[in-house]
Protein backbone atom coordinates (compact mmCIF):
# COMPACT_ATOMS: atom_id res chain seq x y z
CA MET A 1 -16.26 18.20 -3.42
CA ALA A 2 -18.02 15.49 -1.41
CA LYS A 3 -15.24 13.00 -2.24
CA SER A 4 -12.63 15.44 -0.96
CA ARG A 5 -14.48 15.87 2.33
CA LYS A 6 -14.83 12.10 2.75
CA LEU A 7 -11.16 11.61 1.98
CA ALA A 8 -10.19 14.28 4.49
CA ALA A 9 -12.40 12.71 7.15
CA LEU A 10 -10.95 9.25 6.55
CA THR A 11 -7.43 10.67 6.65
CA ALA A 12 -8.08 12.31 10.00
CA GLN A 13 -9.56 9.13 11.40
CA LEU A 14 -6.63 7.03 10.16
CA ASP A 15 -4.26 9.28 12.04
CA ALA A 16 -6.41 9.36 15.15
CA ILE A 17 -6.53 5.58 15.54
CA ARG A 18 -3.06 4.74 14.18
CA ALA A 19 -1.69 4.31 17.70
CA ASP A 20 -4.17 1.50 18.43
CA PRO A 21 -3.28 -1.43 16.15
CA THR A 22 -6.41 -3.32 17.16
CA SER A 23 -8.57 -0.48 15.91
CA ALA A 24 -10.32 -0.05 12.61
CA ALA A 25 -7.31 1.60 10.96
CA GLY A 26 -6.61 -1.42 8.78
CA VAL A 27 -10.19 -1.63 7.61
CA MET A 28 -10.24 2.06 6.83
CA ALA A 29 -7.01 1.76 4.86
CA LEU A 30 -8.52 -1.07 2.79
CA VAL A 31 -11.65 1.00 2.16
CA LEU A 32 -9.45 3.82 0.89
CA GLY A 33 -7.60 1.36 -1.33
CA GLU A 34 -10.79 -0.04 -2.76
CA SER A 35 -11.97 3.49 -3.53
CA ARG A 36 -9.38 3.70 -6.32
CA LEU A 37 -9.40 7.48 -5.85
CA PRO A 38 -6.19 9.10 -7.12
CA GLU A 39 -6.10 11.24 -3.97
CA ALA A 40 -6.01 8.11 -1.80
CA PHE A 41 -2.49 7.11 -2.85
CA PRO A 42 -0.57 9.88 -1.07
CA VAL A 43 -2.81 9.48 1.97
CA LEU A 44 -2.11 5.75 2.18
CA ARG A 45 1.58 6.09 1.34
CA ASP A 46 2.11 8.76 3.99
CA TRP A 47 0.09 6.81 6.56
CA TRP A 48 2.14 3.69 5.82
CA GLN A 49 5.36 5.63 6.30
CA ARG A 50 4.21 6.91 9.72
CA THR A 51 2.81 3.58 10.93
CA THR A 52 5.09 1.37 13.00
CA HIS A 53 2.83 -1.62 13.68
CA GLN A 54 3.96 -4.36 11.29
CA GLU A 55 0.50 -5.80 10.60
CA LEU A 56 -0.91 -2.37 9.80
CA ARG A 57 2.06 -1.65 7.54
CA GLN A 58 1.29 -4.79 5.54
CA THR A 59 -2.37 -3.84 5.36
CA GLY A 60 -1.29 -0.42 4.11
CA LEU A 61 0.74 -1.99 1.30
CA LEU A 62 -2.23 -4.14 0.34
CA ALA A 63 -4.48 -1.08 0.35
CA ILE A 64 -2.03 0.69 -1.95
CA ALA A 65 -2.07 -2.29 -4.32
CA LEU A 66 -5.88 -2.27 -4.28
CA LEU A 67 -5.85 1.27 -5.68
CA ARG A 68 -4.89 -0.23 -9.06
CA ARG A 69 -3.31 3.09 -10.00
CA GLU A 70 -0.08 3.34 -11.98
CA GLU A 71 1.69 5.59 -9.47
CA ALA A 72 0.80 3.24 -6.62
CA ILE A 73 2.02 0.17 -8.51
CA GLN A 74 5.27 1.91 -9.47
CA TRP A 75 5.83 2.89 -5.84
CA LEU A 76 5.34 -0.74 -4.74
CA LEU A 77 7.74 -1.90 -7.46
CA GLN A 78 10.30 0.62 -6.20
CA LEU A 79 9.92 -0.75 -2.67
CA LEU A 80 10.40 -4.25 -4.03
CA ALA A 81 13.59 -3.18 -5.79
CA ALA A 82 15.23 -1.02 -3.16
CA ALA A 83 13.62 -1.19 0.28
CA PRO A 84 14.96 -3.18 3.24
CA GLN A 85 14.07 -6.88 3.11
CA ARG A 86 10.98 -6.74 5.36
CA GLU A 87 9.42 -3.86 3.41
CA ALA A 88 10.36 -5.39 0.06
CA ALA A 89 8.77 -8.69 1.10
CA GLY A 90 5.62 -6.80 2.09
CA ALA A 91 5.53 -5.08 -1.29
CA LEU A 92 5.93 -8.45 -3.00
CA GLU A 93 3.02 -9.85 -1.02
CA ALA A 94 0.83 -6.88 -1.93
CA LEU A 95 1.83 -7.11 -5.60
CA GLY A 96 0.72 -10.74 -5.53
CA LEU A 97 -2.71 -9.40 -6.48
CA TYR A 98 -1.28 -8.98 -9.97
CA GLN A 99 0.14 -12.47 -10.55
CA ASN A 100 -2.30 -12.99 -13.42
CA ASP A 101 -1.24 -9.79 -15.18
CA PRO A 102 1.67 -10.97 -17.35
CA THR A 103 3.00 -7.49 -18.08
CA LEU A 104 3.04 -6.36 -14.48
CA TRP A 105 4.24 -9.69 -13.14
CA ALA A 106 7.19 -9.53 -15.56
CA GLN A 107 8.15 -6.25 -13.87
CA VAL A 108 7.91 -7.94 -10.48
CA ARG A 109 10.11 -10.84 -11.65
CA SER A 110 12.61 -8.38 -13.09
CA ARG A 111 13.02 -6.66 -9.74
CA LEU A 112 13.16 -9.98 -7.91
CA ALA A 113 16.17 -10.97 -10.02
CA SER A 114 18.28 -8.53 -8.01
CA ARG A 115 16.78 -9.58 -4.65
CA PRO A 116 17.80 -13.21 -4.04
CA GLU A 117 16.87 -12.88 -0.35
CA LEU A 118 13.22 -12.62 -1.36
């Protein structure tokens, strides 16, 4: 119950400061990512989709990668495979955390095969 309240509070604060890219939104997103809470993935994904500031969007992708959750990794891999170039490049950068994981990095390389622009 306490985790749910904290998550709700962080979600509300992320939205409240999203309009100010110099704010603590990026730090809060990374804190959510490091939490590895399963509930944090939809919060971060939805926040990323609403955020227009490019630096915060990249921070959001990194936060999603930090979750180290299968659904988050699969979502990043899907971005890498099918998103516009800028978003796919951001997903690739975030997935760079997993370069030393041969199984996951093979999935990254597989998707990169169809994205020569990256």
